[in-house]
N, C-alpha and C. Protein backbone atom coordinates (compact mmCIF):
# COMPACT_ATOMS: atom_id res chain seq x y z
N MET A 1 -18.57 35.20 64.30
CA MET A 1 -17.96 35.05 63.00
C MET A 1 -17.93 33.57 62.63
N LYS A 2 -18.41 33.26 61.47
CA LYS A 2 -18.42 31.88 60.99
C LYS A 2 -17.03 31.50 60.49
N ILE A 3 -16.58 30.33 60.86
CA ILE A 3 -15.29 29.84 60.39
C ILE A 3 -15.53 29.03 59.12
N ILE A 4 -14.77 29.32 58.08
CA ILE A 4 -14.96 28.55 56.84
C ILE A 4 -14.09 27.31 56.88
N THR A 5 -14.46 26.32 56.10
CA THR A 5 -13.73 25.06 56.10
C THR A 5 -12.42 25.19 55.34
N ARG A 6 -11.56 24.22 55.58
CA ARG A 6 -10.27 24.19 54.89
C ARG A 6 -10.48 24.14 53.38
N GLY A 7 -11.44 23.34 52.93
CA GLY A 7 -11.74 23.22 51.49
C GLY A 7 -12.19 24.54 50.90
N GLU A 8 -13.05 25.26 51.63
CA GLU A 8 -13.50 26.58 51.15
C GLU A 8 -12.33 27.55 51.08
N ALA A 9 -11.48 27.51 52.11
CA ALA A 9 -10.32 28.41 52.13
C ALA A 9 -9.40 28.12 50.95
N MET A 10 -9.20 26.84 50.66
CA MET A 10 -8.33 26.48 49.53
C MET A 10 -8.95 26.93 48.21
N ARG A 11 -10.25 26.75 48.06
CA ARG A 11 -10.92 27.16 46.82
C ARG A 11 -10.78 28.66 46.61
N ILE A 12 -11.00 29.42 47.67
CA ILE A 12 -10.92 30.88 47.59
C ILE A 12 -9.48 31.32 47.32
N HIS A 13 -8.55 30.74 48.07
CA HIS A 13 -7.15 31.16 47.93
C HIS A 13 -6.57 30.73 46.59
N ARG A 14 -7.02 29.61 46.05
CA ARG A 14 -6.53 29.13 44.75
C ARG A 14 -6.73 30.19 43.67
N GLN A 15 -7.87 30.89 43.72
CA GLN A 15 -8.16 31.92 42.72
C GLN A 15 -7.16 33.06 42.80
N HIS A 16 -6.67 33.35 43.99
CA HIS A 16 -5.78 34.49 44.18
C HIS A 16 -4.30 34.10 44.19
N HIS A 17 -4.03 32.82 44.38
CA HIS A 17 -2.64 32.38 44.52
C HIS A 17 -1.85 32.57 43.23
N ALA A 18 -2.50 32.43 42.09
CA ALA A 18 -1.80 32.58 40.81
C ALA A 18 -2.07 33.93 40.16
N ASP A 19 -2.54 34.89 40.94
CA ASP A 19 -2.78 36.23 40.41
C ASP A 19 -1.46 36.96 40.18
N SER A 20 -1.59 38.10 39.56
CA SER A 20 -0.48 39.02 39.36
C SER A 20 0.57 38.43 38.43
N ASN A 21 1.82 38.56 38.78
CA ASN A 21 2.91 38.16 37.89
C ASN A 21 3.45 36.78 38.23
N TRP A 22 2.58 35.81 38.36
CA TRP A 22 2.99 34.46 38.73
C TRP A 22 3.95 33.87 37.71
N TYR A 23 3.94 34.36 36.48
CA TYR A 23 4.73 33.81 35.38
C TYR A 23 6.14 34.39 35.30
N GLU A 24 6.50 35.34 36.17
CA GLU A 24 7.79 36.03 36.07
C GLU A 24 8.98 35.08 36.14
N ASN A 25 8.93 34.06 36.99
CA ASN A 25 10.05 33.11 37.07
C ASN A 25 10.22 32.35 35.77
N VAL A 26 9.11 32.00 35.14
CA VAL A 26 9.18 31.30 33.85
C VAL A 26 9.76 32.23 32.79
N TYR A 27 9.32 33.48 32.79
CA TYR A 27 9.87 34.46 31.84
C TYR A 27 11.38 34.63 32.05
N GLU A 28 11.80 34.69 33.31
CA GLU A 28 13.22 34.85 33.61
C GLU A 28 14.02 33.66 33.08
N ASP A 29 13.50 32.47 33.27
CA ASP A 29 14.13 31.26 32.74
C ASP A 29 14.18 31.32 31.22
N PHE A 30 13.08 31.75 30.59
CA PHE A 30 13.03 31.83 29.13
C PHE A 30 14.04 32.85 28.61
N ARG A 31 14.19 33.97 29.30
CA ARG A 31 15.18 34.97 28.88
C ARG A 31 16.59 34.37 28.92
N ALA A 32 16.88 33.58 29.94
CA ALA A 32 18.20 32.93 30.04
C ALA A 32 18.39 31.94 28.90
N VAL A 33 17.35 31.17 28.58
CA VAL A 33 17.41 30.22 27.47
C VAL A 33 17.63 30.97 26.16
N CYS A 34 16.92 32.08 25.97
CA CYS A 34 17.08 32.88 24.75
C CYS A 34 18.50 33.40 24.62
N ASP A 35 19.10 33.83 25.72
CA ASP A 35 20.50 34.28 25.68
C ASP A 35 21.42 33.16 25.20
N ILE A 36 21.20 31.97 25.68
CA ILE A 36 22.00 30.82 25.27
C ILE A 36 21.80 30.54 23.78
N PHE A 37 20.56 30.63 23.31
CA PHE A 37 20.24 30.33 21.92
C PHE A 37 20.63 31.44 20.94
N GLY A 38 21.01 32.61 21.45
CA GLY A 38 21.33 33.72 20.56
C GLY A 38 20.11 34.49 20.12
N ILE A 39 19.07 34.49 20.93
CA ILE A 39 17.85 35.24 20.63
C ILE A 39 17.84 36.51 21.48
N ASN A 40 17.85 37.65 20.81
CA ASN A 40 17.71 38.93 21.50
C ASN A 40 16.23 39.27 21.50
N LEU A 41 15.59 39.13 22.64
CA LEU A 41 14.16 39.42 22.73
C LEU A 41 13.91 40.92 22.55
N ARG A 42 12.93 41.23 21.73
CA ARG A 42 12.54 42.63 21.56
C ARG A 42 11.92 43.12 22.88
N GLN A 43 12.14 44.39 23.19
CA GLN A 43 11.61 44.98 24.42
C GLN A 43 10.50 45.96 24.08
N ARG A 44 9.48 46.00 24.90
CA ARG A 44 8.45 47.03 24.75
C ARG A 44 8.55 47.94 25.97
N VAL A 45 8.32 49.20 25.73
CA VAL A 45 8.46 50.22 26.78
C VAL A 45 7.08 50.74 27.12
N PHE A 46 6.80 50.88 28.40
CA PHE A 46 5.53 51.49 28.81
C PHE A 46 5.76 52.37 30.02
N ARG A 47 4.85 53.31 30.18
CA ARG A 47 4.96 54.29 31.27
C ARG A 47 4.21 53.79 32.50
N LEU A 48 4.85 53.93 33.64
CA LEU A 48 4.24 53.58 34.92
C LEU A 48 3.45 54.78 35.44
N SER A 49 2.60 54.55 36.41
CA SER A 49 1.80 55.64 36.98
C SER A 49 2.68 56.71 37.63
N SER A 50 3.90 56.33 38.01
CA SER A 50 4.83 57.29 38.62
C SER A 50 5.47 58.21 37.59
N GLY A 51 5.22 57.92 36.31
CA GLY A 51 5.83 58.72 35.25
C GLY A 51 7.12 58.11 34.72
N ARG A 52 7.65 57.11 35.41
CA ARG A 52 8.85 56.42 34.94
C ARG A 52 8.48 55.46 33.82
N PHE A 53 9.51 54.99 33.14
CA PHE A 53 9.31 54.03 32.06
C PHE A 53 9.90 52.69 32.46
N MET A 54 9.31 51.65 31.93
CA MET A 54 9.77 50.30 32.23
C MET A 54 9.82 49.51 30.93
N GLU A 55 10.82 48.64 30.82
CA GLU A 55 10.93 47.75 29.66
C GLU A 55 10.50 46.36 30.06
N GLU A 56 9.88 45.69 29.13
CA GLU A 56 9.44 44.32 29.33
C GLU A 56 9.68 43.55 28.04
N PRO A 57 10.12 42.29 28.12
CA PRO A 57 10.34 41.55 26.88
C PRO A 57 9.02 41.28 26.15
N CYS A 58 9.11 41.20 24.85
CA CYS A 58 7.92 40.91 24.02
C CYS A 58 7.65 39.41 24.05
N ILE A 59 7.02 38.98 25.12
CA ILE A 59 6.60 37.59 25.31
C ILE A 59 5.12 37.65 25.65
N TRP A 60 4.32 36.83 24.97
CA TRP A 60 2.88 36.80 25.25
C TRP A 60 2.42 35.35 25.36
N PHE A 61 1.35 35.17 26.14
CA PHE A 61 0.72 33.85 26.19
C PHE A 61 -0.74 34.03 26.55
N SER A 62 -1.51 33.00 26.24
CA SER A 62 -2.90 32.89 26.69
C SER A 62 -3.10 31.44 27.07
N GLY A 63 -3.94 31.19 28.04
CA GLY A 63 -4.12 29.80 28.43
C GLY A 63 -4.97 29.68 29.67
N PHE A 64 -5.34 28.47 29.98
CA PHE A 64 -4.74 27.22 29.52
C PHE A 64 -5.81 26.20 29.11
N CYS A 65 -6.94 26.65 28.69
CA CYS A 65 -8.02 25.68 28.49
C CYS A 65 -8.77 25.84 27.17
N ARG A 66 -8.31 26.68 26.28
CA ARG A 66 -9.04 26.87 25.03
C ARG A 66 -8.17 26.49 23.84
N GLN A 67 -8.82 26.08 22.78
CA GLN A 67 -8.11 25.84 21.54
C GLN A 67 -7.53 27.18 21.08
N GLY A 68 -6.31 27.17 20.62
CA GLY A 68 -5.67 28.41 20.19
C GLY A 68 -4.82 29.05 21.26
N ASP A 69 -4.85 28.52 22.50
CA ASP A 69 -3.98 29.05 23.54
C ASP A 69 -2.53 28.67 23.23
N GLY A 70 -1.62 29.48 23.68
CA GLY A 70 -0.22 29.19 23.45
C GLY A 70 0.64 30.36 23.87
N ALA A 71 1.90 30.33 23.43
CA ALA A 71 2.85 31.39 23.75
C ALA A 71 3.60 31.79 22.49
N CYS A 72 4.05 33.03 22.46
CA CYS A 72 4.86 33.51 21.34
C CYS A 72 5.79 34.60 21.85
N PHE A 73 6.74 34.98 21.03
CA PHE A 73 7.70 36.00 21.42
C PHE A 73 8.20 36.72 20.17
N GLU A 74 8.85 37.85 20.39
CA GLU A 74 9.46 38.62 19.30
C GLU A 74 10.93 38.82 19.60
N GLY A 75 11.73 38.84 18.55
CA GLY A 75 13.15 39.09 18.74
C GLY A 75 13.93 38.84 17.47
N ARG A 76 15.21 38.70 17.65
CA ARG A 76 16.12 38.45 16.54
C ARG A 76 17.05 37.32 16.95
N TRP A 77 17.15 36.32 16.07
CA TRP A 77 18.01 35.16 16.34
C TRP A 77 19.23 35.22 15.43
N HIS A 78 20.38 34.92 16.00
CA HIS A 78 21.62 34.81 15.23
C HIS A 78 22.44 33.67 15.84
N TRP A 79 23.44 33.26 15.13
CA TRP A 79 24.26 32.15 15.61
C TRP A 79 24.97 32.54 16.89
N GLN A 80 24.91 31.63 17.85
CA GLN A 80 25.58 31.80 19.14
C GLN A 80 26.45 30.56 19.31
N SER A 81 27.74 30.75 19.47
CA SER A 81 28.63 29.59 19.56
C SER A 81 28.35 28.77 20.82
N ALA A 82 28.56 27.49 20.70
CA ALA A 82 28.44 26.53 21.81
C ALA A 82 27.04 26.45 22.41
N THR A 83 26.02 26.77 21.62
CA THR A 83 24.64 26.72 22.14
C THR A 83 24.29 25.33 22.66
N ALA A 84 24.58 24.30 21.86
CA ALA A 84 24.20 22.93 22.24
C ALA A 84 24.87 22.53 23.56
N ARG A 85 26.13 22.88 23.73
CA ARG A 85 26.84 22.54 24.97
C ARG A 85 26.30 23.37 26.14
N ARG A 86 26.12 24.66 25.92
CA ARG A 86 25.68 25.56 27.00
C ARG A 86 24.27 25.23 27.49
N VAL A 87 23.38 24.84 26.56
CA VAL A 87 22.02 24.52 27.00
C VAL A 87 22.01 23.24 27.82
N ARG A 88 22.93 22.32 27.53
CA ARG A 88 23.02 21.09 28.31
C ARG A 88 23.57 21.34 29.71
N VAL A 89 24.40 22.35 29.84
CA VAL A 89 24.89 22.75 31.17
C VAL A 89 23.77 23.45 31.94
N TYR A 90 23.06 24.34 31.26
CA TYR A 90 22.00 25.12 31.91
C TYR A 90 20.81 24.24 32.30
N ALA A 91 20.41 23.34 31.40
CA ALA A 91 19.23 22.49 31.64
C ALA A 91 19.57 21.05 31.28
N PRO A 92 20.34 20.37 32.13
CA PRO A 92 20.84 19.04 31.78
C PRO A 92 19.76 17.98 31.57
N GLN A 93 18.58 18.16 32.15
CA GLN A 93 17.51 17.16 32.05
C GLN A 93 16.51 17.45 30.92
N ASP A 94 16.60 18.61 30.31
CA ASP A 94 15.57 19.05 29.37
C ASP A 94 15.89 18.62 27.94
N ARG A 95 15.43 17.45 27.58
CA ARG A 95 15.74 16.89 26.25
C ARG A 95 15.14 17.69 25.11
N GLU A 96 14.01 18.33 25.35
CA GLU A 96 13.39 19.14 24.29
C GLU A 96 14.26 20.34 23.95
N LEU A 97 14.79 21.02 24.95
CA LEU A 97 15.72 22.12 24.67
C LEU A 97 16.97 21.63 23.96
N HIS A 98 17.46 20.46 24.34
CA HIS A 98 18.64 19.89 23.68
C HIS A 98 18.32 19.63 22.20
N ARG A 99 17.14 19.08 21.93
CA ARG A 99 16.75 18.77 20.56
C ARG A 99 16.65 20.05 19.72
N ILE A 100 16.05 21.09 20.28
CA ILE A 100 15.91 22.36 19.55
C ILE A 100 17.29 22.95 19.26
N ALA A 101 18.17 22.94 20.25
CA ALA A 101 19.53 23.47 20.06
C ALA A 101 20.27 22.69 18.98
N ASP A 102 20.13 21.37 19.00
CA ASP A 102 20.78 20.53 17.99
C ASP A 102 20.25 20.82 16.59
N ALA A 103 18.93 21.03 16.48
CA ALA A 103 18.32 21.32 15.18
C ALA A 103 18.84 22.65 14.63
N LEU A 104 18.91 23.67 15.48
CA LEU A 104 19.42 24.97 15.03
C LEU A 104 20.90 24.89 14.67
N GLN A 105 21.65 24.13 15.45
CA GLN A 105 23.08 23.97 15.14
C GLN A 105 23.27 23.27 13.81
N ALA A 106 22.48 22.24 13.55
CA ALA A 106 22.63 21.48 12.30
C ALA A 106 22.33 22.35 11.08
N VAL A 107 21.27 23.14 11.13
CA VAL A 107 20.93 23.99 9.98
C VAL A 107 21.95 25.12 9.83
N GLN A 108 22.47 25.63 10.93
CA GLN A 108 23.51 26.66 10.86
C GLN A 108 24.77 26.10 10.21
N LYS A 109 25.14 24.90 10.60
CA LYS A 109 26.35 24.28 10.06
C LYS A 109 26.26 24.14 8.55
N ARG A 110 25.08 23.72 8.05
CA ARG A 110 24.89 23.57 6.60
C ARG A 110 24.97 24.91 5.88
N ASN A 111 24.81 26.00 6.63
CA ASN A 111 24.84 27.35 6.04
C ASN A 111 26.03 28.17 6.55
N PHE A 112 27.08 27.47 6.98
CA PHE A 112 28.33 28.08 7.42
C PHE A 112 28.13 29.14 8.50
N TRP A 113 27.20 28.88 9.41
CA TRP A 113 26.95 29.70 10.59
C TRP A 113 26.52 31.13 10.23
N GLN A 114 25.85 31.30 9.10
CA GLN A 114 25.51 32.64 8.61
C GLN A 114 24.01 32.96 8.66
N LEU A 115 23.20 32.08 9.23
CA LEU A 115 21.76 32.33 9.26
C LEU A 115 21.39 33.27 10.40
N GLN A 116 20.33 34.02 10.16
CA GLN A 116 19.74 34.86 11.20
C GLN A 116 18.24 34.93 10.92
N ALA A 117 17.48 35.32 11.92
CA ALA A 117 16.03 35.37 11.75
C ALA A 117 15.43 36.51 12.55
N GLU A 118 14.43 37.13 11.96
CA GLU A 118 13.59 38.13 12.64
C GLU A 118 12.31 37.43 13.05
N ILE A 119 11.91 37.60 14.30
CA ILE A 119 10.71 36.95 14.82
C ILE A 119 9.75 38.04 15.27
N SER A 120 8.56 38.07 14.70
CA SER A 120 7.57 39.07 15.10
C SER A 120 6.22 38.41 15.30
N HIS A 121 5.39 39.07 16.07
CA HIS A 121 4.05 38.56 16.38
C HIS A 121 3.04 39.25 15.49
N ARG A 122 2.09 38.48 14.98
CA ARG A 122 1.02 39.08 14.16
C ARG A 122 -0.32 38.62 14.69
N GLY A 123 -1.31 39.46 14.52
CA GLY A 123 -2.66 39.10 14.92
C GLY A 123 -2.90 39.28 16.40
N CYS A 124 -4.06 38.80 16.83
CA CYS A 124 -4.43 38.98 18.24
C CYS A 124 -4.31 37.68 19.04
N TYR A 125 -3.95 36.58 18.40
CA TYR A 125 -3.78 35.31 19.12
C TYR A 125 -2.34 35.16 19.57
N CYS A 126 -2.16 34.37 20.62
CA CYS A 126 -0.82 34.12 21.15
C CYS A 126 -0.53 32.63 21.08
N HIS A 127 0.12 32.22 20.04
CA HIS A 127 0.58 30.84 19.92
C HIS A 127 1.74 30.82 18.93
N PRO A 128 2.49 29.74 18.85
CA PRO A 128 3.67 29.72 17.99
C PRO A 128 3.39 30.07 16.52
N TYR A 129 2.22 29.71 16.02
CA TYR A 129 1.94 29.97 14.61
C TYR A 129 1.45 31.39 14.37
N SER A 130 1.43 32.22 15.42
CA SER A 130 1.15 33.65 15.23
C SER A 130 2.46 34.43 15.14
N MET A 131 3.57 33.72 15.05
CA MET A 131 4.87 34.37 14.89
C MET A 131 5.26 34.34 13.41
N ASP A 132 5.64 35.49 12.88
CA ASP A 132 6.23 35.56 11.55
C ASP A 132 7.73 35.44 11.72
N ILE A 133 8.32 34.47 11.04
CA ILE A 133 9.75 34.23 11.16
C ILE A 133 10.38 34.39 9.78
N THR A 134 11.24 35.39 9.66
CA THR A 134 11.91 35.67 8.39
C THR A 134 13.37 35.29 8.53
N VAL A 135 13.79 34.29 7.78
CA VAL A 135 15.15 33.76 7.87
C VAL A 135 15.97 34.31 6.70
N THR A 136 17.17 34.78 7.00
CA THR A 136 18.08 35.25 5.95
C THR A 136 19.47 34.68 6.20
N ARG A 137 20.29 34.76 5.15
CA ARG A 137 21.68 34.32 5.28
C ARG A 137 22.59 35.51 5.06
N ASN A 138 23.44 35.77 6.01
CA ASN A 138 24.37 36.89 5.94
C ASN A 138 25.70 36.40 5.38
N SER A 139 25.71 36.13 4.08
CA SER A 139 26.90 35.59 3.42
C SER A 139 27.69 36.71 2.76
N PRO A 140 28.99 36.83 3.06
CA PRO A 140 29.80 37.88 2.43
C PRO A 140 29.95 37.68 0.92
N THR A 141 29.75 36.45 0.45
CA THR A 141 29.87 36.18 -0.99
C THR A 141 28.52 36.07 -1.67
N GLY A 142 27.44 36.34 -0.94
CA GLY A 142 26.11 36.33 -1.54
C GLY A 142 25.49 34.95 -1.72
N GLN A 143 26.01 33.95 -1.03
CA GLN A 143 25.43 32.60 -1.13
C GLN A 143 24.02 32.59 -0.56
N THR A 144 23.14 31.85 -1.22
CA THR A 144 21.79 31.71 -0.71
C THR A 144 21.76 30.61 0.35
N MET A 145 20.74 30.64 1.18
CA MET A 145 20.63 29.61 2.21
C MET A 145 20.19 28.29 1.58
N THR A 146 20.44 27.20 2.28
CA THR A 146 20.04 25.88 1.79
C THR A 146 18.52 25.82 1.71
N ALA A 147 18.01 24.92 0.90
CA ALA A 147 16.56 24.83 0.64
C ALA A 147 15.75 24.57 1.91
N ASP A 148 16.34 23.86 2.86
CA ASP A 148 15.61 23.51 4.08
C ASP A 148 15.75 24.53 5.20
N ALA A 149 16.57 25.55 5.01
CA ALA A 149 16.94 26.44 6.11
C ALA A 149 15.75 27.17 6.72
N GLU A 150 14.93 27.80 5.89
CA GLU A 150 13.82 28.59 6.43
C GLU A 150 12.86 27.72 7.23
N ALA A 151 12.50 26.57 6.67
CA ALA A 151 11.57 25.68 7.37
C ALA A 151 12.18 25.14 8.66
N ALA A 152 13.46 24.77 8.62
CA ALA A 152 14.11 24.19 9.80
C ALA A 152 14.22 25.21 10.93
N VAL A 153 14.62 26.43 10.60
CA VAL A 153 14.75 27.47 11.63
C VAL A 153 13.37 27.83 12.19
N SER A 154 12.39 28.01 11.29
CA SER A 154 11.03 28.36 11.74
C SER A 154 10.46 27.29 12.65
N GLU A 155 10.65 26.03 12.28
CA GLU A 155 10.13 24.94 13.10
C GLU A 155 10.79 24.92 14.47
N ALA A 156 12.10 25.11 14.52
CA ALA A 156 12.82 25.09 15.80
C ALA A 156 12.38 26.25 16.70
N LEU A 157 12.22 27.44 16.12
CA LEU A 157 11.81 28.59 16.93
C LEU A 157 10.36 28.46 17.39
N CYS A 158 9.50 27.87 16.56
CA CYS A 158 8.13 27.57 17.01
C CYS A 158 8.14 26.54 18.13
N ASP A 159 9.01 25.54 18.00
CA ASP A 159 9.13 24.53 19.06
C ASP A 159 9.58 25.17 20.37
N LEU A 160 10.42 26.20 20.28
CA LEU A 160 10.84 26.91 21.49
C LEU A 160 9.65 27.62 22.13
N ALA A 161 8.75 28.17 21.32
CA ALA A 161 7.53 28.81 21.85
C ALA A 161 6.61 27.76 22.48
N PHE A 162 6.51 26.57 21.87
CA PHE A 162 5.74 25.47 22.47
C PHE A 162 6.36 25.08 23.82
N TRP A 163 7.68 25.03 23.87
CA TRP A 163 8.38 24.70 25.11
C TRP A 163 8.04 25.72 26.19
N LEU A 164 8.08 27.01 25.83
CA LEU A 164 7.74 28.07 26.78
C LEU A 164 6.32 27.88 27.32
N TYR A 165 5.39 27.57 26.44
CA TYR A 165 4.00 27.39 26.86
C TYR A 165 3.88 26.24 27.86
N ARG A 166 4.59 25.15 27.60
CA ARG A 166 4.55 24.01 28.54
C ARG A 166 5.11 24.41 29.91
N GLN A 167 6.15 25.24 29.92
CA GLN A 167 6.71 25.70 31.20
C GLN A 167 5.69 26.56 31.95
N LEU A 168 5.01 27.45 31.23
CA LEU A 168 3.98 28.30 31.84
C LEU A 168 2.83 27.45 32.38
N GLU A 169 2.41 26.48 31.60
CA GLU A 169 1.30 25.61 32.01
C GLU A 169 1.69 24.80 33.25
N ASN A 170 2.91 24.28 33.27
CA ASN A 170 3.37 23.51 34.43
C ASN A 170 3.44 24.38 35.68
N GLU A 171 3.92 25.61 35.53
CA GLU A 171 4.00 26.53 36.67
C GLU A 171 2.60 26.86 37.19
N TYR A 172 1.67 27.15 36.29
CA TYR A 172 0.30 27.47 36.69
C TYR A 172 -0.36 26.27 37.38
N ASP A 173 -0.17 25.08 36.80
CA ASP A 173 -0.74 23.87 37.41
C ASP A 173 -0.20 23.67 38.82
N TRP A 174 1.09 23.93 39.01
CA TRP A 174 1.68 23.76 40.34
C TRP A 174 1.10 24.80 41.30
N LEU A 175 1.07 26.07 40.88
CA LEU A 175 0.60 27.14 41.77
C LEU A 175 -0.85 26.98 42.19
N THR A 176 -1.66 26.34 41.35
CA THR A 176 -3.07 26.16 41.67
C THR A 176 -3.37 24.76 42.19
N SER A 177 -2.33 23.96 42.41
CA SER A 177 -2.53 22.61 42.94
C SER A 177 -2.88 22.67 44.42
N ASP A 178 -3.54 21.62 44.91
CA ASP A 178 -3.89 21.54 46.33
C ASP A 178 -2.65 21.68 47.21
N ALA A 179 -1.56 21.01 46.81
CA ALA A 179 -0.34 21.03 47.62
C ALA A 179 0.22 22.45 47.76
N ALA A 180 0.30 23.19 46.65
CA ALA A 180 0.87 24.54 46.70
C ALA A 180 -0.04 25.51 47.46
N VAL A 181 -1.34 25.41 47.25
CA VAL A 181 -2.28 26.30 47.93
C VAL A 181 -2.28 26.01 49.43
N ASP A 182 -2.32 24.74 49.78
CA ASP A 182 -2.30 24.36 51.19
C ASP A 182 -1.01 24.84 51.86
N GLU A 183 0.11 24.68 51.16
CA GLU A 183 1.40 25.14 51.69
C GLU A 183 1.40 26.65 51.91
N ALA A 184 0.87 27.42 50.96
CA ALA A 184 0.82 28.89 51.09
C ALA A 184 -0.05 29.31 52.26
N ILE A 185 -1.19 28.65 52.42
CA ILE A 185 -2.08 28.98 53.55
C ILE A 185 -1.40 28.66 54.87
N HIS A 186 -0.76 27.49 54.94
CA HIS A 186 -0.09 27.04 56.17
C HIS A 186 1.12 27.92 56.51
N ILE A 187 2.01 28.12 55.56
CA ILE A 187 3.23 28.89 55.81
C ILE A 187 2.92 30.32 56.23
N ASN A 188 1.93 30.92 55.57
CA ASN A 188 1.58 32.32 55.85
C ASN A 188 0.57 32.46 56.98
N ALA A 189 0.11 31.34 57.53
CA ALA A 189 -0.87 31.33 58.63
C ALA A 189 -2.08 32.21 58.29
N TYR A 190 -2.58 32.06 57.07
CA TYR A 190 -3.73 32.85 56.64
C TYR A 190 -4.99 32.43 57.41
N THR A 191 -5.81 33.41 57.71
CA THR A 191 -7.15 33.17 58.24
C THR A 191 -8.13 33.87 57.30
N PHE A 192 -9.39 33.42 57.34
CA PHE A 192 -10.38 33.94 56.40
C PHE A 192 -11.64 34.37 57.13
N THR A 193 -12.29 35.39 56.60
CA THR A 193 -13.57 35.85 57.15
C THR A 193 -14.68 34.93 56.65
N GLU A 194 -15.88 35.14 57.20
CA GLU A 194 -17.05 34.36 56.77
C GLU A 194 -17.30 34.53 55.27
N ALA A 195 -17.01 35.72 54.75
CA ALA A 195 -17.22 36.00 53.32
C ALA A 195 -16.14 35.38 52.45
N GLY A 196 -15.14 34.79 53.09
CA GLY A 196 -14.07 34.16 52.33
C GLY A 196 -12.91 35.07 52.03
N LEU A 197 -12.90 36.26 52.59
CA LEU A 197 -11.79 37.19 52.39
C LEU A 197 -10.68 36.85 53.37
N ARG A 198 -9.45 37.05 52.95
CA ARG A 198 -8.33 36.77 53.82
C ARG A 198 -8.31 37.78 54.95
N ALA A 199 -8.27 37.30 56.19
CA ALA A 199 -8.31 38.18 57.36
C ALA A 199 -6.91 38.41 57.92
N GLY A 200 -6.01 37.54 57.64
CA GLY A 200 -4.67 37.72 58.18
C GLY A 200 -3.74 36.68 57.69
C-alpha cells in the first residue's frame, strides 16, 4: 500500500472537512442575533426520509467566489426593547452589529417604536438585494412613517444579511485552512489509502 504525503492528505481532507452542515454554528449564532433584533425568522417545513417533518429557518447563501454570492433570510421584524444594549452584551466586540442595532433603534425612535417589516426572498439568487423588505408603521392614530423610515430599515436589514455572509465566509475559510485541516487529521488520527480515501 502506497502511503500518501501529508500535503496530499490535507488536500483530500480539505474537500471533505467543510462538507455537510458546516454552517450550522453560524446559523445558530444568526438565530440568536435575530432574536435580539426582534426578527422572527420564517420557518420552512420538509419531510425526512423517515416520514417525520423538520423545520428549518429560511436562511440561504451561496458562495464564496462568484459575483452575486451572498446571504439572505426571510422573516418579520418588529421593535424589540433594549436591542442596542442586548447586542452589546451578546457580541461585545462586533461593532458592525452594534451599528446596525443603533440604526434600527434611531429610526424606530423617530417613529415612536411603531415600525415593523416583512422580509421575503425573491428570485433564484441569494444575496441581500434579493430580499423584498416591506416596512409599515403600526400607529393607532394612523400616522405615516417618517420619509426616511423605509430606506433606513431596508438598509439596516440588508446590512445584517451582509454581516451573516461575512460570518459564513469566515467560518468556511477557517474550516478549509491548513491549520484546521491539519488539526482535524491529527486529532482524529486519520489515515488514508493510496487512492486518497480515509482509511481510519
